[in-house]
Amino acid sequence: MDWYLPLKTAHIVGVVLFLGNIIVTGWWKVMADRTGNPAIIAFAQRQVILTDWVFTLGGVLLLGGAGFANAGLHGISLATPWLLVGNVLFTLSGLVWVAVLIPVQARQARLARGFAMGGVIPPEYHRLGRLWLVFGTVATLLPLAAVPVMVWKAG
């Protein structure tokens, strides 16, 4: 059996899960924060953590696993320019997640547990939210830039 199409399908599903989750999560978290309602903000913050574990990480594993498997099975060198550029963009996004976004989300989640039942939202939560928005935008634009590189095999 030729594994190219099943692996390509799994790779694309992984991309959809990954990019779809980071884009939609960013939107609804910002909108929840804008309500100023502690219960809504705390609920949204909890969902950010949960959806990252299920959809972002799940998408990463699926797209990475299927992509590397397809490259390996079909003799495509990881040094091929379009593959190298796409992987660098994806990896840079991952570094932003690990270095900044995950720690910020964890801190915001701890703060949100403290105000979930109607307490005062501390200024630190909003400061972290601005940081999350800036670095989240960067972490989203990097893999979005990888899409045309990988599809058009440019680089």
N, C-alpha and C. Protein backbone atom coordinates (compact mmCIF):
# COMPACT_ATOMS: atom_id res chain seq x y z
N MET A 1 0.84 -1.19 0.00
CA MET A 1 0.00 0.00 0.00
C MET A 1 0.89 1.25 0.00
N ASP A 2 0.50 2.23 -0.80
CA ASP A 2 1.20 3.51 -0.81
C ASP A 2 0.61 4.38 0.30
N TRP A 3 1.44 4.80 1.22
CA TRP A 3 0.99 5.56 2.39
C TRP A 3 0.92 7.06 2.15
N TYR A 4 1.28 7.51 0.95
CA TYR A 4 1.33 8.95 0.70
C TYR A 4 0.00 9.65 1.00
N LEU A 5 -1.08 9.21 0.39
CA LEU A 5 -2.36 9.90 0.58
C LEU A 5 -2.92 9.77 2.00
N PRO A 6 -2.88 8.59 2.64
CA PRO A 6 -3.35 8.55 4.03
C PRO A 6 -2.52 9.45 4.96
N LEU A 7 -1.21 9.48 4.77
CA LEU A 7 -0.36 10.34 5.60
C LEU A 7 -0.59 11.82 5.29
N LYS A 8 -0.77 12.13 4.00
CA LYS A 8 -1.06 13.51 3.62
C LYS A 8 -2.38 13.95 4.23
N THR A 9 -3.37 13.08 4.21
CA THR A 9 -4.68 13.39 4.81
C THR A 9 -4.53 13.64 6.30
N ALA A 10 -3.80 12.77 6.99
CA ALA A 10 -3.58 12.95 8.43
C ALA A 10 -2.83 14.25 8.70
N HIS A 11 -1.87 14.57 7.86
CA HIS A 11 -1.10 15.81 7.99
C HIS A 11 -2.02 17.03 7.87
N ILE A 12 -2.88 17.01 6.87
CA ILE A 12 -3.81 18.14 6.66
C ILE A 12 -4.81 18.24 7.81
N VAL A 13 -5.31 17.13 8.29
CA VAL A 13 -6.22 17.16 9.45
C VAL A 13 -5.49 17.76 10.64
N GLY A 14 -4.23 17.39 10.84
CA GLY A 14 -3.44 17.96 11.92
C GLY A 14 -3.27 19.47 11.78
N VAL A 15 -3.02 19.94 10.56
CA VAL A 15 -2.89 21.38 10.31
C VAL A 15 -4.20 22.09 10.64
N VAL A 16 -5.32 21.51 10.21
CA VAL A 16 -6.63 22.12 10.47
C VAL A 16 -6.89 22.19 11.97
N LEU A 17 -6.64 21.11 12.70
CA LEU A 17 -6.84 21.12 14.15
C LEU A 17 -5.94 22.15 14.82
N PHE A 18 -4.67 22.15 14.46
CA PHE A 18 -3.70 23.06 15.07
C PHE A 18 -4.03 24.52 14.78
N LEU A 19 -4.07 24.89 13.50
CA LEU A 19 -4.32 26.28 13.15
C LEU A 19 -5.73 26.72 13.54
N GLY A 20 -6.70 25.85 13.32
CA GLY A 20 -8.07 26.19 13.69
C GLY A 20 -8.19 26.50 15.17
N ASN A 21 -7.57 25.68 15.99
CA ASN A 21 -7.67 25.89 17.43
C ASN A 21 -6.95 27.16 17.87
N ILE A 22 -5.74 27.41 17.37
CA ILE A 22 -5.04 28.59 17.87
C ILE A 22 -5.71 29.88 17.39
N ILE A 23 -6.30 29.86 16.21
CA ILE A 23 -6.99 31.07 15.72
C ILE A 23 -8.28 31.29 16.49
N VAL A 24 -9.11 30.25 16.59
CA VAL A 24 -10.41 30.40 17.26
C VAL A 24 -10.23 30.64 18.76
N THR A 25 -9.31 29.96 19.38
CA THR A 25 -9.08 30.16 20.81
C THR A 25 -8.64 31.59 21.10
N GLY A 26 -7.75 32.10 20.27
CA GLY A 26 -7.32 33.49 20.44
C GLY A 26 -8.50 34.44 20.37
N TRP A 27 -9.37 34.23 19.42
CA TRP A 27 -10.54 35.09 19.26
C TRP A 27 -11.44 35.04 20.49
N TRP A 28 -11.87 33.82 20.88
CA TRP A 28 -12.86 33.78 21.96
C TRP A 28 -12.27 34.10 23.32
N LYS A 29 -10.95 33.91 23.50
CA LYS A 29 -10.35 34.32 24.77
C LYS A 29 -10.33 35.85 24.87
N VAL A 30 -9.93 36.50 23.79
CA VAL A 30 -9.92 37.97 23.79
C VAL A 30 -11.34 38.51 24.01
N MET A 31 -12.31 37.91 23.34
CA MET A 31 -13.70 38.36 23.50
C MET A 31 -14.20 38.11 24.93
N ALA A 32 -13.83 36.99 25.52
CA ALA A 32 -14.21 36.71 26.91
C ALA A 32 -13.58 37.73 27.85
N ASP A 33 -12.31 38.02 27.64
CA ASP A 33 -11.62 39.01 28.49
C ASP A 33 -12.29 40.38 28.37
N ARG A 34 -12.76 40.72 27.18
CA ARG A 34 -13.38 42.03 26.97
C ARG A 34 -14.71 42.18 27.72
N THR A 35 -15.34 41.06 28.10
CA THR A 35 -16.62 41.17 28.83
C THR A 35 -16.41 41.79 30.21
N GLY A 36 -15.23 41.56 30.79
CA GLY A 36 -14.98 42.03 32.15
C GLY A 36 -15.68 41.18 33.21
N ASN A 37 -16.37 40.15 32.79
CA ASN A 37 -17.11 39.28 33.71
C ASN A 37 -16.16 38.19 34.23
N PRO A 38 -15.87 38.20 35.54
CA PRO A 38 -14.91 37.23 36.09
C PRO A 38 -15.27 35.78 35.80
N ALA A 39 -16.54 35.42 35.87
CA ALA A 39 -16.93 34.02 35.64
C ALA A 39 -16.69 33.62 34.18
N ILE A 40 -17.01 34.49 33.25
CA ILE A 40 -16.80 34.19 31.83
C ILE A 40 -15.31 34.11 31.53
N ILE A 41 -14.55 35.05 32.06
CA ILE A 41 -13.10 35.07 31.83
C ILE A 41 -12.45 33.82 32.40
N ALA A 42 -12.83 33.44 33.60
CA ALA A 42 -12.25 32.24 34.23
C ALA A 42 -12.62 30.98 33.44
N PHE A 43 -13.86 30.90 32.98
CA PHE A 43 -14.28 29.75 32.17
C PHE A 43 -13.47 29.68 30.88
N ALA A 44 -13.35 30.82 30.19
CA ALA A 44 -12.60 30.86 28.94
C ALA A 44 -11.13 30.47 29.16
N GLN A 45 -10.55 30.96 30.24
CA GLN A 45 -9.14 30.66 30.52
C GLN A 45 -8.94 29.17 30.73
N ARG A 46 -9.88 28.54 31.42
CA ARG A 46 -9.79 27.09 31.62
C ARG A 46 -9.89 26.36 30.27
N GLN A 47 -10.76 26.84 29.40
CA GLN A 47 -10.93 26.21 28.09
C GLN A 47 -9.69 26.39 27.22
N VAL A 48 -8.99 27.51 27.36
CA VAL A 48 -7.75 27.71 26.62
C VAL A 48 -6.77 26.58 26.93
N ILE A 49 -6.63 26.29 28.21
CA ILE A 49 -5.71 25.22 28.64
C ILE A 49 -6.18 23.87 28.10
N LEU A 50 -7.46 23.57 28.26
CA LEU A 50 -7.98 22.27 27.82
C LEU A 50 -7.89 22.09 26.30
N THR A 51 -8.29 23.11 25.55
CA THR A 51 -8.25 22.97 24.09
C THR A 51 -6.83 22.91 23.56
N ASP A 52 -5.89 23.54 24.25
CA ASP A 52 -4.50 23.41 23.84
C ASP A 52 -4.01 21.97 23.99
N TRP A 53 -4.38 21.33 25.08
CA TRP A 53 -3.98 19.94 25.28
C TRP A 53 -4.61 19.02 24.25
N VAL A 54 -5.88 19.23 23.94
CA VAL A 54 -6.57 18.32 23.03
C VAL A 54 -6.28 18.66 21.56
N PHE A 55 -6.57 19.89 21.17
CA PHE A 55 -6.54 20.24 19.75
C PHE A 55 -5.19 20.77 19.28
N THR A 56 -4.57 21.66 20.04
CA THR A 56 -3.27 22.19 19.60
C THR A 56 -2.23 21.08 19.64
N LEU A 57 -2.07 20.45 20.80
CA LEU A 57 -1.08 19.38 20.90
C LEU A 57 -1.45 18.20 20.00
N GLY A 58 -2.72 17.84 19.96
CA GLY A 58 -3.15 16.76 19.07
C GLY A 58 -2.85 17.06 17.61
N GLY A 59 -3.11 18.30 17.21
CA GLY A 59 -2.79 18.72 15.84
C GLY A 59 -1.31 18.68 15.55
N VAL A 60 -0.51 19.15 16.51
CA VAL A 60 0.95 19.14 16.36
C VAL A 60 1.45 17.70 16.16
N LEU A 61 0.97 16.80 17.00
CA LEU A 61 1.42 15.41 16.90
C LEU A 61 1.01 14.78 15.58
N LEU A 62 -0.22 15.05 15.16
CA LEU A 62 -0.72 14.48 13.92
C LEU A 62 0.00 15.06 12.70
N LEU A 63 0.11 16.38 12.65
CA LEU A 63 0.76 16.98 11.47
C LEU A 63 2.24 16.68 11.44
N GLY A 64 2.89 16.72 12.59
CA GLY A 64 4.32 16.41 12.63
C GLY A 64 4.61 14.96 12.33
N GLY A 65 3.87 14.08 12.99
CA GLY A 65 4.08 12.64 12.78
C GLY A 65 3.83 12.23 11.34
N ALA A 66 2.70 12.66 10.79
CA ALA A 66 2.36 12.28 9.41
C ALA A 66 3.31 12.94 8.42
N GLY A 67 3.68 14.19 8.67
CA GLY A 67 4.58 14.89 7.75
C GLY A 67 5.96 14.26 7.70
N PHE A 68 6.53 13.99 8.87
CA PHE A 68 7.86 13.38 8.90
C PHE A 68 7.81 11.95 8.36
N ALA A 69 6.73 11.22 8.65
CA ALA A 69 6.60 9.86 8.13
C ALA A 69 6.54 9.88 6.61
N ASN A 70 5.76 10.79 6.05
CA ASN A 70 5.66 10.87 4.59
C ASN A 70 6.99 11.25 3.96
N ALA A 71 7.68 12.21 4.56
CA ALA A 71 8.99 12.59 4.03
C ALA A 71 9.94 11.39 4.06
N GLY A 72 9.97 10.70 5.19
CA GLY A 72 10.86 9.55 5.33
C GLY A 72 10.51 8.41 4.39
N LEU A 73 9.23 8.10 4.28
CA LEU A 73 8.81 6.99 3.42
C LEU A 73 9.01 7.27 1.94
N HIS A 74 9.04 8.54 1.58
CA HIS A 74 9.16 8.88 0.17
C HIS A 74 10.50 9.54 -0.19
N GLY A 75 11.46 9.41 0.71
CA GLY A 75 12.81 9.84 0.41
C GLY A 75 12.99 11.34 0.23
N ILE A 76 12.16 12.12 0.91
CA ILE A 76 12.29 13.58 0.82
C ILE A 76 13.20 14.03 1.95
N SER A 77 14.30 14.64 1.60
CA SER A 77 15.26 15.11 2.59
C SER A 77 14.67 16.24 3.42
N LEU A 78 14.93 16.22 4.71
CA LEU A 78 14.48 17.31 5.58
C LEU A 78 15.23 18.60 5.29
N ALA A 79 16.30 18.51 4.50
CA ALA A 79 17.05 19.69 4.08
C ALA A 79 16.49 20.31 2.79
N THR A 80 15.46 19.69 2.22
CA THR A 80 14.81 20.26 1.04
C THR A 80 14.31 21.66 1.43
N PRO A 81 14.64 22.68 0.63
CA PRO A 81 14.36 24.06 1.06
C PRO A 81 12.94 24.33 1.56
N TRP A 82 11.92 23.92 0.84
CA TRP A 82 10.55 24.21 1.27
C TRP A 82 10.21 23.49 2.57
N LEU A 83 10.73 22.30 2.73
CA LEU A 83 10.47 21.53 3.96
C LEU A 83 11.24 22.14 5.13
N LEU A 84 12.46 22.54 4.88
CA LEU A 84 13.28 23.17 5.91
C LEU A 84 12.65 24.49 6.38
N VAL A 85 12.26 25.35 5.45
CA VAL A 85 11.66 26.64 5.80
C VAL A 85 10.34 26.42 6.56
N GLY A 86 9.50 25.52 6.07
CA GLY A 86 8.24 25.23 6.76
C GLY A 86 8.46 24.73 8.17
N ASN A 87 9.43 23.84 8.34
CA ASN A 87 9.73 23.30 9.67
C ASN A 87 10.33 24.35 10.60
N VAL A 88 11.15 25.24 10.05
CA VAL A 88 11.72 26.31 10.87
C VAL A 88 10.61 27.23 11.37
N LEU A 89 9.69 27.62 10.49
CA LEU A 89 8.58 28.49 10.90
C LEU A 89 7.73 27.80 11.98
N PHE A 90 7.44 26.54 11.77
CA PHE A 90 6.64 25.76 12.73
C PHE A 90 7.38 25.63 14.06
N THR A 91 8.67 25.36 14.01
CA THR A 91 9.48 25.22 15.22
C THR A 91 9.58 26.54 15.98
N LEU A 92 9.75 27.64 15.27
CA LEU A 92 9.80 28.95 15.93
C LEU A 92 8.49 29.23 16.66
N SER A 93 7.38 28.86 16.05
CA SER A 93 6.08 29.01 16.72
C SER A 93 6.05 28.18 17.99
N GLY A 94 6.53 26.96 17.90
CA GLY A 94 6.58 26.09 19.08
C GLY A 94 7.44 26.66 20.19
N LEU A 95 8.54 27.28 19.82
CA LEU A 95 9.42 27.90 20.83
C LEU A 95 8.71 29.06 21.53
N VAL A 96 7.95 29.84 20.79
CA VAL A 96 7.17 30.94 21.40
C VAL A 96 6.15 30.36 22.37
N TRP A 97 5.52 29.25 21.98
CA TRP A 97 4.54 28.61 22.87
C TRP A 97 5.20 28.16 24.16
N VAL A 98 6.30 27.45 24.03
CA VAL A 98 6.95 26.87 25.21
C VAL A 98 7.57 27.96 26.09
N ALA A 99 8.23 28.94 25.48
CA ALA A 99 8.94 29.95 26.25
C ALA A 99 8.03 31.01 26.86
N VAL A 100 6.94 31.36 26.17
CA VAL A 100 6.11 32.47 26.63
C VAL A 100 4.66 32.08 26.88
N LEU A 101 4.01 31.53 25.88
CA LEU A 101 2.55 31.36 25.97
C LEU A 101 2.10 30.36 27.03
N ILE A 102 2.74 29.23 27.10
CA ILE A 102 2.32 28.24 28.11
C ILE A 102 2.52 28.78 29.53
N PRO A 103 3.68 29.37 29.85
CA PRO A 103 3.80 29.95 31.20
C PRO A 103 2.78 31.08 31.47
N VAL A 104 2.52 31.91 30.48
CA VAL A 104 1.54 32.99 30.66
C VAL A 104 0.16 32.41 30.89
N GLN A 105 -0.22 31.42 30.08
CA GLN A 105 -1.54 30.79 30.24
C GLN A 105 -1.67 30.12 31.61
N ALA A 106 -0.62 29.48 32.05
CA ALA A 106 -0.66 28.82 33.36
C ALA A 106 -0.85 29.84 34.47
N ARG A 107 -0.13 30.96 34.37
CA ARG A 107 -0.27 32.01 35.40
C ARG A 107 -1.67 32.62 35.35
N GLN A 108 -2.17 32.88 34.15
CA GLN A 108 -3.52 33.42 34.03
C GLN A 108 -4.56 32.44 34.57
N ALA A 109 -4.35 31.16 34.34
CA ALA A 109 -5.30 30.16 34.86
C ALA A 109 -5.31 30.16 36.38
N ARG A 110 -4.13 30.26 37.00
CA ARG A 110 -4.07 30.33 38.47
C ARG A 110 -4.78 31.59 38.99
N LEU A 111 -4.55 32.71 38.33
CA LEU A 111 -5.22 33.95 38.73
C LEU A 111 -6.73 33.82 38.55
N ALA A 112 -7.15 33.22 37.44
CA ALA A 112 -8.58 33.09 37.14
C ALA A 112 -9.30 32.22 38.17
N ARG A 113 -8.62 31.20 38.67
CA ARG A 113 -9.26 30.38 39.72
C ARG A 113 -9.57 31.24 40.94
N GLY A 114 -8.76 32.26 41.18
CA GLY A 114 -8.97 33.13 42.32
C GLY A 114 -10.14 34.09 42.17
N PHE A 115 -10.50 34.43 40.94
CA PHE A 115 -11.61 35.36 40.75
C PHE A 115 -12.81 34.73 40.04
N ALA A 116 -12.78 33.43 39.84
CA ALA A 116 -13.83 32.74 39.09
C ALA A 116 -15.21 32.93 39.69
N MET A 117 -15.30 33.01 40.98
CA MET A 117 -16.62 33.11 41.63
C MET A 117 -17.02 34.58 41.87
N GLY A 118 -16.47 35.48 41.08
CA GLY A 118 -16.89 36.86 41.18
C GLY A 118 -15.91 37.79 41.86
N GLY A 119 -14.71 37.33 42.10
CA GLY A 119 -13.71 38.19 42.73
C GLY A 119 -13.22 39.26 41.77
N VAL A 120 -12.35 40.09 42.27
CA VAL A 120 -11.78 41.17 41.46
C VAL A 120 -10.70 40.59 40.55
N ILE A 121 -10.71 41.01 39.30
CA ILE A 121 -9.69 40.58 38.35
C ILE A 121 -8.45 41.45 38.58
N PRO A 122 -7.34 40.85 38.96
CA PRO A 122 -6.14 41.66 39.26
C PRO A 122 -5.54 42.25 37.99
N PRO A 123 -4.88 43.40 38.11
CA PRO A 123 -4.22 44.02 36.95
C PRO A 123 -3.22 43.08 36.27
N GLU A 124 -2.60 42.20 37.06
CA GLU A 124 -1.63 41.25 36.47
C GLU A 124 -2.27 40.39 35.40
N TYR A 125 -3.54 40.00 35.61
CA TYR A 125 -4.23 39.18 34.61
C TYR A 125 -4.30 39.92 33.27
N HIS A 126 -4.65 41.19 33.31
CA HIS A 126 -4.76 41.99 32.08
C HIS A 126 -3.40 42.25 31.46
N ARG A 127 -2.38 42.47 32.27
CA ARG A 127 -1.02 42.65 31.75
C ARG A 127 -0.58 41.38 31.03
N LEU A 128 -0.81 40.24 31.66
CA LEU A 128 -0.47 38.97 31.03
C LEU A 128 -1.30 38.73 29.77
N GLY A 129 -2.54 39.19 29.78
CA GLY A 129 -3.40 39.06 28.61
C GLY A 129 -2.84 39.81 27.40
N ARG A 130 -2.30 40.99 27.64
CA ARG A 130 -1.69 41.76 26.55
C ARG A 130 -0.45 41.03 26.02
N LEU A 131 0.34 40.48 26.92
CA LEU A 131 1.52 39.71 26.54
C LEU A 131 1.10 38.49 25.72
N TRP A 132 0.06 37.81 26.20
CA TRP A 132 -0.46 36.62 25.52
C TRP A 132 -0.94 36.98 24.11
N LEU A 133 -1.59 38.11 23.96
CA LEU A 133 -2.10 38.52 22.65
C LEU A 133 -0.95 38.80 21.68
N VAL A 134 0.06 39.51 22.11
CA VAL A 134 1.19 39.84 21.24
C VAL A 134 1.93 38.57 20.81
N PHE A 135 2.32 37.76 21.79
CA PHE A 135 3.08 36.55 21.46
C PHE A 135 2.20 35.50 20.79
N GLY A 136 0.91 35.47 21.13
CA GLY A 136 -0.01 34.56 20.46
C GLY A 136 -0.17 34.91 19.00
N THR A 137 -0.17 36.19 18.69
CA THR A 137 -0.26 36.61 17.29
C THR A 137 0.98 36.15 16.53
N VAL A 138 2.14 36.34 17.12
CA VAL A 138 3.39 35.87 16.49
C VAL A 138 3.35 34.36 16.31
N ALA A 139 2.94 33.64 17.35
CA ALA A 139 2.91 32.17 17.30
C ALA A 139 1.87 31.66 16.32
N THR A 140 0.92 32.48 15.93
CA THR A 140 -0.09 32.10 14.94
C THR A 140 0.40 32.45 13.53
N LEU A 141 1.01 33.61 13.38
CA LEU A 141 1.46 34.03 12.05
C LEU A 141 2.59 33.15 11.51
N LEU A 142 3.44 32.65 12.39
CA LEU A 142 4.54 31.80 11.93
C LEU A 142 4.05 30.53 11.23
N PRO A 143 3.17 29.72 11.84
CA PRO A 143 2.71 28.54 11.11
C PRO A 143 1.78 28.89 9.94
N LEU A 144 1.08 30.00 10.02
CA LEU A 144 0.28 30.43 8.86
C LEU A 144 1.20 30.71 7.67
N ALA A 145 2.35 31.30 7.94
CA ALA A 145 3.33 31.55 6.87
C ALA A 145 3.89 30.25 6.31
N ALA A 146 3.90 29.20 7.13
CA ALA A 146 4.41 27.90 6.67
C ALA A 146 3.46 27.24 5.68
N VAL A 147 2.18 27.56 5.75
CA VAL A 147 1.20 26.90 4.87
C VAL A 147 1.52 27.10 3.39
N PRO A 148 1.65 28.36 2.90
CA PRO A 148 1.97 28.48 1.47
C PRO A 148 3.34 27.91 1.11
N VAL A 149 4.28 27.99 2.03
CA VAL A 149 5.61 27.41 1.77
C VAL A 149 5.47 25.92 1.52
N MET A 150 4.70 25.24 2.37
CA MET A 150 4.54 23.79 2.23
C MET A 150 3.66 23.41 1.04
N VAL A 151 2.60 24.16 0.80
CA VAL A 151 1.69 23.84 -0.31
C VAL A 151 2.35 24.11 -1.66
N TRP A 152 2.99 25.27 -1.78
CA TRP A 152 3.61 25.64 -3.05
C TRP A 152 5.01 25.08 -3.19
N LYS A 153 5.48 24.46 -2.11
CA LYS A 153 6.84 23.91 -2.09
C LYS A 153 7.84 24.99 -2.50
N ALA A 154 7.67 26.14 -1.85
CA ALA A 154 8.53 27.30 -2.11
C ALA A 154 9.50 27.46 -0.95
N GLY A 155 10.58 28.10 -1.17
CA GLY A 155 11.49 28.36 -0.06
C GLY A 155 12.87 28.35 -0.48
